[in-house]
Amino acid sequence: MHYNLNEFRSNQPYPLNLLGLPTEAQQYRIVCAVSLNCGHCLQLLPQFKPLGSNFNFEFVLVTDGTEEENKSIKEQLGFSFHMISFAHQNFSDIGISFTPQAYLIDLQGNVVQNKEIRQVDDLKNFWLKGSEMIDDAGSIS
């Protein structure tokens, strides 16, 4: 799905407060947004499960579903990562112009980069690229 364009650029603060998350973190984060009204997003959901077991990043999945819908999905698919409901809110407020889309966020809450997700390998490659950036910077071993 497409929303009004309001993407956050590299080195800009990401509005983590709108997701109820603290700005600073112990780990880099990947914030991925999906719409439960998007067939492509729904096909990708089960493939996200392994992303919760990576200890170099905190993976956060944001949906336009309700808390109850997220809880049901999390239980059915066995997700161990955070799922945040952004139901009845505008995805563009958190820089999402289409779904699925992901942001890599640094330890201070700033955007490193963002990416449209066509397949789960896009997210894994995004994740790996982020790992290389972190290793190069020496922030996380």
N, C-alpha and C. Protein backbone atom coordinates (compact mmCIF):
# COMPACT_ATOMS: atom_id res chain seq x y z
N MET A 1 0.84 -1.18 0.00
CA MET A 1 0.00 0.00 0.00
C MET A 1 0.88 1.23 0.00
N HIS A 2 0.39 2.32 -0.58
CA HIS A 2 1.13 3.57 -0.63
C HIS A 2 0.44 4.63 0.22
N TYR A 3 1.25 5.46 0.86
CA TYR A 3 0.77 6.53 1.73
C TYR A 3 1.43 7.82 1.27
N ASN A 4 1.01 8.94 1.84
CA ASN A 4 1.64 10.22 1.50
C ASN A 4 3.12 10.18 1.85
N LEU A 5 3.95 10.74 0.97
CA LEU A 5 5.39 10.69 1.16
C LEU A 5 5.83 11.58 2.31
N ASN A 6 6.53 11.01 3.27
CA ASN A 6 7.11 11.74 4.39
C ASN A 6 8.24 10.89 4.95
N GLU A 7 9.21 10.55 4.13
CA GLU A 7 10.29 9.69 4.56
C GLU A 7 11.34 10.47 5.34
N PHE A 8 11.95 9.81 6.28
CA PHE A 8 13.03 10.40 7.05
C PHE A 8 14.35 10.01 6.38
N ARG A 9 15.24 10.96 6.27
CA ARG A 9 16.52 10.78 5.60
C ARG A 9 17.61 10.36 6.58
N SER A 10 18.71 9.91 6.03
CA SER A 10 19.88 9.51 6.82
C SER A 10 20.29 10.64 7.76
N ASN A 11 20.62 10.28 8.98
CA ASN A 11 21.06 11.18 10.05
C ASN A 11 19.96 12.04 10.65
N GLN A 12 18.72 11.85 10.23
CA GLN A 12 17.60 12.54 10.85
C GLN A 12 17.09 11.69 12.01
N PRO A 13 16.60 12.33 13.07
CA PRO A 13 15.99 11.56 14.17
C PRO A 13 14.74 10.84 13.66
N TYR A 14 14.59 9.59 14.07
CA TYR A 14 13.39 8.83 13.73
C TYR A 14 12.39 9.00 14.87
N PRO A 15 11.09 9.17 14.58
CA PRO A 15 10.09 9.43 15.63
C PRO A 15 9.72 8.19 16.44
N LEU A 16 10.69 7.63 17.14
CA LEU A 16 10.46 6.43 17.94
C LEU A 16 9.43 6.66 19.04
N ASN A 17 9.33 7.92 19.50
CA ASN A 17 8.36 8.24 20.55
C ASN A 17 6.93 7.95 20.10
N LEU A 18 6.65 8.08 18.79
CA LEU A 18 5.31 7.78 18.28
C LEU A 18 5.00 6.29 18.35
N LEU A 19 6.04 5.47 18.48
CA LEU A 19 5.87 4.03 18.60
C LEU A 19 5.96 3.58 20.06
N GLY A 20 6.15 4.54 20.96
CA GLY A 20 6.27 4.22 22.38
C GLY A 20 7.63 3.65 22.73
N LEU A 21 8.64 3.94 21.91
CA LEU A 21 9.99 3.42 22.14
C LEU A 21 10.93 4.55 22.55
N PRO A 22 11.91 4.25 23.40
CA PRO A 22 12.89 5.28 23.77
C PRO A 22 13.78 5.62 22.57
N THR A 23 14.29 6.83 22.56
CA THR A 23 15.15 7.28 21.46
C THR A 23 16.46 6.50 21.45
N GLU A 24 17.11 6.43 22.59
CA GLU A 24 18.41 5.74 22.65
C GLU A 24 18.20 4.27 22.96
N ALA A 25 19.13 3.46 22.45
CA ALA A 25 19.00 2.01 22.61
C ALA A 25 20.38 1.37 22.77
N GLN A 26 20.39 0.14 23.23
CA GLN A 26 21.60 -0.65 23.37
C GLN A 26 22.02 -1.27 22.04
N GLN A 27 21.06 -1.42 21.14
CA GLN A 27 21.30 -2.06 19.85
C GLN A 27 20.72 -1.21 18.74
N TYR A 28 21.27 -1.39 17.55
CA TYR A 28 20.63 -0.81 16.37
C TYR A 28 19.26 -1.47 16.23
N ARG A 29 18.33 -0.75 15.62
CA ARG A 29 16.98 -1.29 15.43
C ARG A 29 16.64 -1.31 13.95
N ILE A 30 15.84 -2.28 13.60
CA ILE A 30 15.18 -2.26 12.31
C ILE A 30 13.70 -2.17 12.60
N VAL A 31 13.10 -1.08 12.12
CA VAL A 31 11.67 -0.86 12.26
C VAL A 31 11.05 -1.15 10.90
N CYS A 32 10.22 -2.17 10.85
CA CYS A 32 9.59 -2.58 9.60
C CYS A 32 8.08 -2.40 9.73
N ALA A 33 7.48 -1.78 8.74
CA ALA A 33 6.04 -1.54 8.76
C ALA A 33 5.34 -2.36 7.69
N VAL A 34 4.23 -2.98 8.09
CA VAL A 34 3.39 -3.73 7.16
C VAL A 34 1.93 -3.35 7.38
N SER A 35 1.16 -3.50 6.34
CA SER A 35 -0.28 -3.29 6.42
C SER A 35 -0.97 -4.64 6.39
N LEU A 36 -1.92 -4.83 7.27
CA LEU A 36 -2.68 -6.07 7.29
C LEU A 36 -3.72 -6.10 6.17
N ASN A 37 -3.81 -5.02 5.40
CA ASN A 37 -4.68 -4.97 4.23
C ASN A 37 -3.90 -5.16 2.94
N CYS A 38 -2.63 -5.47 3.06
CA CYS A 38 -1.72 -5.64 1.92
C CYS A 38 -1.42 -7.12 1.75
N GLY A 39 -1.87 -7.70 0.64
CA GLY A 39 -1.65 -9.13 0.40
C GLY A 39 -0.19 -9.50 0.41
N HIS A 40 0.64 -8.66 -0.18
CA HIS A 40 2.08 -8.92 -0.21
C HIS A 40 2.65 -8.95 1.21
N CYS A 41 2.22 -7.99 2.05
CA CYS A 41 2.68 -7.94 3.44
C CYS A 41 2.29 -9.22 4.19
N LEU A 42 1.05 -9.65 3.97
CA LEU A 42 0.56 -10.85 4.66
C LEU A 42 1.35 -12.09 4.24
N GLN A 43 1.76 -12.16 2.98
CA GLN A 43 2.59 -13.29 2.52
C GLN A 43 3.95 -13.27 3.17
N LEU A 44 4.48 -12.08 3.45
CA LEU A 44 5.80 -11.96 4.06
C LEU A 44 5.81 -12.27 5.56
N LEU A 45 4.70 -12.04 6.24
CA LEU A 45 4.66 -12.16 7.70
C LEU A 45 5.32 -13.44 8.24
N PRO A 46 4.94 -14.63 7.78
CA PRO A 46 5.55 -15.84 8.34
C PRO A 46 7.07 -15.91 8.16
N GLN A 47 7.57 -15.24 7.14
CA GLN A 47 9.00 -15.27 6.85
C GLN A 47 9.81 -14.37 7.79
N PHE A 48 9.14 -13.53 8.57
CA PHE A 48 9.83 -12.64 9.50
C PHE A 48 10.29 -13.36 10.77
N LYS A 49 9.74 -14.54 11.04
CA LYS A 49 10.00 -15.23 12.32
C LYS A 49 11.49 -15.32 12.68
N PRO A 50 12.39 -15.72 11.77
CA PRO A 50 13.80 -15.85 12.17
C PRO A 50 14.46 -14.53 12.56
N LEU A 51 13.87 -13.41 12.18
CA LEU A 51 14.48 -12.12 12.47
C LEU A 51 14.45 -11.79 13.95
N GLY A 52 13.60 -12.44 14.70
CA GLY A 52 13.52 -12.20 16.13
C GLY A 52 14.65 -12.82 16.91
N SER A 53 15.41 -13.71 16.29
CA SER A 53 16.48 -14.40 17.02
C SER A 53 17.86 -13.81 16.74
N ASN A 54 17.94 -12.66 16.06
CA ASN A 54 19.22 -12.01 15.82
C ASN A 54 19.53 -11.11 17.00
N PHE A 55 20.68 -11.32 17.63
CA PHE A 55 21.01 -10.57 18.83
C PHE A 55 21.79 -9.29 18.55
N ASN A 56 22.13 -9.03 17.30
CA ASN A 56 22.85 -7.81 16.96
C ASN A 56 21.90 -6.64 16.72
N PHE A 57 20.62 -6.91 16.54
CA PHE A 57 19.63 -5.89 16.26
C PHE A 57 18.38 -6.14 17.08
N GLU A 58 17.64 -5.08 17.26
CA GLU A 58 16.29 -5.21 17.79
C GLU A 58 15.36 -5.05 16.59
N PHE A 59 14.56 -6.06 16.31
CA PHE A 59 13.62 -6.01 15.21
C PHE A 59 12.26 -5.60 15.77
N VAL A 60 11.65 -4.59 15.15
CA VAL A 60 10.35 -4.09 15.57
C VAL A 60 9.43 -4.11 14.36
N LEU A 61 8.29 -4.77 14.49
CA LEU A 61 7.32 -4.82 13.41
C LEU A 61 6.13 -3.94 13.78
N VAL A 62 5.85 -2.97 12.91
CA VAL A 62 4.74 -2.05 13.12
C VAL A 62 3.65 -2.41 12.11
N THR A 63 2.41 -2.53 12.59
CA THR A 63 1.29 -2.85 11.70
C THR A 63 0.18 -1.82 11.85
N ASP A 64 -0.72 -1.83 10.90
CA ASP A 64 -1.92 -1.01 11.01
C ASP A 64 -3.05 -1.80 11.66
N GLY A 65 -2.72 -2.96 12.20
CA GLY A 65 -3.69 -3.79 12.91
C GLY A 65 -3.87 -3.34 14.34
N THR A 66 -4.93 -3.82 14.97
CA THR A 66 -5.19 -3.50 16.37
C THR A 66 -4.25 -4.31 17.27
N GLU A 67 -4.23 -3.95 18.54
CA GLU A 67 -3.43 -4.70 19.52
C GLU A 67 -3.85 -6.17 19.53
N GLU A 68 -5.15 -6.42 19.45
CA GLU A 68 -5.67 -7.79 19.46
C GLU A 68 -5.23 -8.56 18.22
N GLU A 69 -5.30 -7.90 17.05
CA GLU A 69 -4.85 -8.56 15.82
C GLU A 69 -3.36 -8.89 15.90
N ASN A 70 -2.57 -7.94 16.39
CA ASN A 70 -1.13 -8.19 16.53
C ASN A 70 -0.84 -9.34 17.49
N LYS A 71 -1.57 -9.36 18.60
CA LYS A 71 -1.38 -10.44 19.58
C LYS A 71 -1.68 -11.80 18.95
N SER A 72 -2.75 -11.86 18.18
CA SER A 72 -3.14 -13.10 17.52
C SER A 72 -2.07 -13.54 16.50
N ILE A 73 -1.58 -12.60 15.70
CA ILE A 73 -0.54 -12.90 14.72
C ILE A 73 0.73 -13.37 15.41
N LYS A 74 1.10 -12.67 16.45
CA LYS A 74 2.33 -13.00 17.20
C LYS A 74 2.25 -14.42 17.76
N GLU A 75 1.10 -14.78 18.32
CA GLU A 75 0.91 -16.13 18.88
C GLU A 75 0.89 -17.18 17.78
N GLN A 76 0.14 -16.93 16.70
CA GLN A 76 0.01 -17.91 15.62
C GLN A 76 1.34 -18.17 14.92
N LEU A 77 2.14 -17.11 14.73
CA LEU A 77 3.39 -17.26 13.98
C LEU A 77 4.62 -17.44 14.88
N GLY A 78 4.43 -17.35 16.19
CA GLY A 78 5.52 -17.58 17.11
C GLY A 78 6.59 -16.49 17.09
N PHE A 79 6.18 -15.25 16.89
CA PHE A 79 7.14 -14.14 16.86
C PHE A 79 7.66 -13.85 18.26
N SER A 80 8.97 -13.58 18.36
CA SER A 80 9.57 -13.21 19.63
C SER A 80 9.95 -11.74 19.67
N PHE A 81 9.72 -11.01 18.58
CA PHE A 81 10.09 -9.59 18.53
C PHE A 81 8.87 -8.71 18.85
N HIS A 82 9.13 -7.43 19.04
CA HIS A 82 8.07 -6.46 19.32
C HIS A 82 7.16 -6.28 18.12
N MET A 83 5.87 -6.26 18.39
CA MET A 83 4.88 -5.87 17.37
C MET A 83 4.12 -4.69 17.95
N ILE A 84 4.06 -3.61 17.17
CA ILE A 84 3.42 -2.39 17.64
C ILE A 84 2.25 -2.07 16.73
N SER A 85 1.13 -1.77 17.34
CA SER A 85 -0.06 -1.38 16.60
C SER A 85 -0.01 0.12 16.31
N PHE A 86 -0.19 0.48 15.04
CA PHE A 86 -0.30 1.87 14.63
C PHE A 86 -1.66 2.07 13.97
N ALA A 87 -2.64 1.31 14.48
CA ALA A 87 -4.00 1.37 13.94
C ALA A 87 -4.59 2.75 14.14
N HIS A 88 -5.36 3.20 13.17
CA HIS A 88 -6.07 4.48 13.23
C HIS A 88 -5.10 5.68 13.30
N GLN A 89 -3.86 5.47 12.88
CA GLN A 89 -2.87 6.54 12.81
C GLN A 89 -2.30 6.54 11.41
N ASN A 90 -1.68 7.62 11.04
CA ASN A 90 -1.16 7.77 9.69
C ASN A 90 0.28 7.26 9.61
N PHE A 91 0.52 6.24 8.81
CA PHE A 91 1.86 5.69 8.65
C PHE A 91 2.88 6.75 8.23
N SER A 92 2.44 7.79 7.52
CA SER A 92 3.39 8.81 7.08
C SER A 92 4.01 9.55 8.27
N ASP A 93 3.34 9.54 9.44
CA ASP A 93 3.91 10.18 10.63
C ASP A 93 5.19 9.49 11.09
N ILE A 94 5.35 8.21 10.72
CA ILE A 94 6.57 7.49 11.08
C ILE A 94 7.42 7.19 9.84
N GLY A 95 7.21 8.01 8.80
CA GLY A 95 8.04 7.93 7.61
C GLY A 95 7.75 6.78 6.67
N ILE A 96 6.58 6.19 6.80
CA ILE A 96 6.23 5.06 5.94
C ILE A 96 5.38 5.58 4.79
N SER A 97 5.95 5.47 3.58
CA SER A 97 5.23 5.94 2.40
C SER A 97 4.63 4.78 1.61
N PHE A 98 5.02 3.55 1.94
CA PHE A 98 4.49 2.35 1.30
C PHE A 98 4.78 1.18 2.21
N THR A 99 4.06 0.12 2.05
CA THR A 99 4.34 -1.08 2.84
C THR A 99 4.57 -2.25 1.89
N PRO A 100 5.44 -3.14 2.28
CA PRO A 100 6.30 -3.11 3.46
C PRO A 100 7.53 -2.23 3.24
N GLN A 101 7.95 -1.58 4.32
CA GLN A 101 9.11 -0.69 4.30
C GLN A 101 9.82 -0.80 5.63
N ALA A 102 11.15 -0.62 5.63
CA ALA A 102 11.92 -0.73 6.86
C ALA A 102 12.91 0.42 6.99
N TYR A 103 13.20 0.77 8.23
CA TYR A 103 14.21 1.75 8.58
C TYR A 103 15.25 1.10 9.48
N LEU A 104 16.51 1.41 9.24
CA LEU A 104 17.59 1.03 10.13
C LEU A 104 17.88 2.25 10.99
N ILE A 105 17.83 2.08 12.32
CA ILE A 105 17.96 3.18 13.27
C ILE A 105 19.19 2.93 14.14
N ASP A 106 20.02 3.97 14.32
CA ASP A 106 21.25 3.81 15.11
C ASP A 106 20.96 3.90 16.62
N LEU A 107 22.01 3.85 17.42
CA LEU A 107 21.88 3.81 18.88
C LEU A 107 21.31 5.10 19.46
N GLN A 108 21.46 6.21 18.73
CA GLN A 108 20.95 7.50 19.20
C GLN A 108 19.55 7.82 18.63
N GLY A 109 18.96 6.89 17.89
CA GLY A 109 17.63 7.08 17.35
C GLY A 109 17.59 7.79 16.01
N ASN A 110 18.72 7.84 15.32
CA ASN A 110 18.79 8.48 14.01
C ASN A 110 18.69 7.45 12.89
N VAL A 111 18.13 7.88 11.78
CA VAL A 111 17.99 7.01 10.61
C VAL A 111 19.37 6.78 9.99
N VAL A 112 19.67 5.52 9.73
CA VAL A 112 20.86 5.16 8.95
C VAL A 112 20.45 5.08 7.49
N GLN A 113 19.35 4.36 7.23
CA GLN A 113 18.80 4.25 5.87
C GLN A 113 17.42 3.63 5.94
N ASN A 114 16.70 3.68 4.82
CA ASN A 114 15.41 3.01 4.74
C ASN A 114 15.32 2.25 3.43
N LYS A 115 14.41 1.29 3.38
CA LYS A 115 14.34 0.42 2.21
C LYS A 115 12.92 -0.13 2.04
N GLU A 116 12.49 -0.18 0.79
CA GLU A 116 11.25 -0.87 0.46
C GLU A 116 11.53 -2.37 0.47
N ILE A 117 10.63 -3.14 1.01
CA ILE A 117 10.82 -4.58 1.14
C ILE A 117 9.91 -5.28 0.13
N ARG A 118 10.50 -5.91 -0.86
CA ARG A 118 9.74 -6.67 -1.86
C ARG A 118 9.63 -8.13 -1.47
N GLN A 119 10.70 -8.65 -0.87
CA GLN A 119 10.74 -10.04 -0.42
C GLN A 119 11.56 -10.08 0.86
N VAL A 120 11.46 -11.15 1.60
CA VAL A 120 12.14 -11.21 2.89
C VAL A 120 13.66 -11.12 2.71
N ASP A 121 14.19 -11.56 1.57
CA ASP A 121 15.62 -11.43 1.33
C ASP A 121 16.06 -9.97 1.29
N ASP A 122 15.18 -9.07 0.86
CA ASP A 122 15.50 -7.64 0.90
C ASP A 122 15.75 -7.20 2.33
N LEU A 123 14.92 -7.67 3.23
CA LEU A 123 15.07 -7.32 4.63
C LEU A 123 16.33 -7.96 5.21
N LYS A 124 16.59 -9.21 4.84
CA LYS A 124 17.81 -9.87 5.32
C LYS A 124 19.05 -9.16 4.79
N ASN A 125 19.04 -8.75 3.52
CA ASN A 125 20.19 -8.04 2.95
C ASN A 125 20.35 -6.67 3.61
N PHE A 126 19.24 -6.01 3.89
CA PHE A 126 19.26 -4.75 4.60
C PHE A 126 19.89 -4.95 5.97
N TRP A 127 19.48 -6.04 6.63
CA TRP A 127 19.99 -6.41 7.94
C TRP A 127 21.51 -6.65 7.85
N LEU A 128 21.93 -7.42 6.84
CA LEU A 128 23.36 -7.72 6.68
C LEU A 128 24.16 -6.47 6.38
N LYS A 129 23.64 -5.60 5.54
CA LYS A 129 24.32 -4.35 5.23
C LYS A 129 24.47 -3.53 6.50
N GLY A 130 23.43 -3.51 7.32
CA GLY A 130 23.51 -2.81 8.60
C GLY A 130 24.56 -3.42 9.51
N SER A 131 24.67 -4.75 9.50
CA SER A 131 25.69 -5.43 10.31
C SER A 131 27.08 -5.01 9.88
N GLU A 132 27.30 -4.92 8.57
CA GLU A 132 28.59 -4.50 8.05
C GLU A 132 28.90 -3.06 8.47
N MET A 133 27.90 -2.20 8.43
CA MET A 133 28.08 -0.81 8.83
C MET A 133 28.43 -0.72 10.31
N ILE A 134 27.76 -1.54 11.11
CA ILE A 134 28.02 -1.53 12.54
C ILE A 134 29.42 -2.06 12.82
N ASP A 135 29.79 -3.16 12.15
CA ASP A 135 31.13 -3.73 12.35
C ASP A 135 32.20 -2.73 11.95
N ASP A 136 31.97 -2.03 10.82
CA ASP A 136 32.94 -1.03 10.36
C ASP A 136 33.09 0.11 11.35
N ALA A 137 31.98 0.49 11.97
CA ALA A 137 32.00 1.59 12.92
C ALA A 137 32.50 1.13 14.29
N GLY A 138 32.51 -0.18 14.50
CA GLY A 138 32.97 -0.73 15.77
C GLY A 138 31.95 -0.57 16.90
N SER A 139 30.72 -0.24 16.58
CA SER A 139 29.71 0.00 17.61
C SER A 139 29.26 -1.30 18.27
N ILE A 140 29.15 -2.34 17.48
CA ILE A 140 28.69 -3.62 18.00
C ILE A 140 29.59 -4.69 17.42
N SER A 141 30.05 -5.58 18.24
CA SER A 141 30.91 -6.64 17.72
C SER A 141 30.10 -7.86 17.36
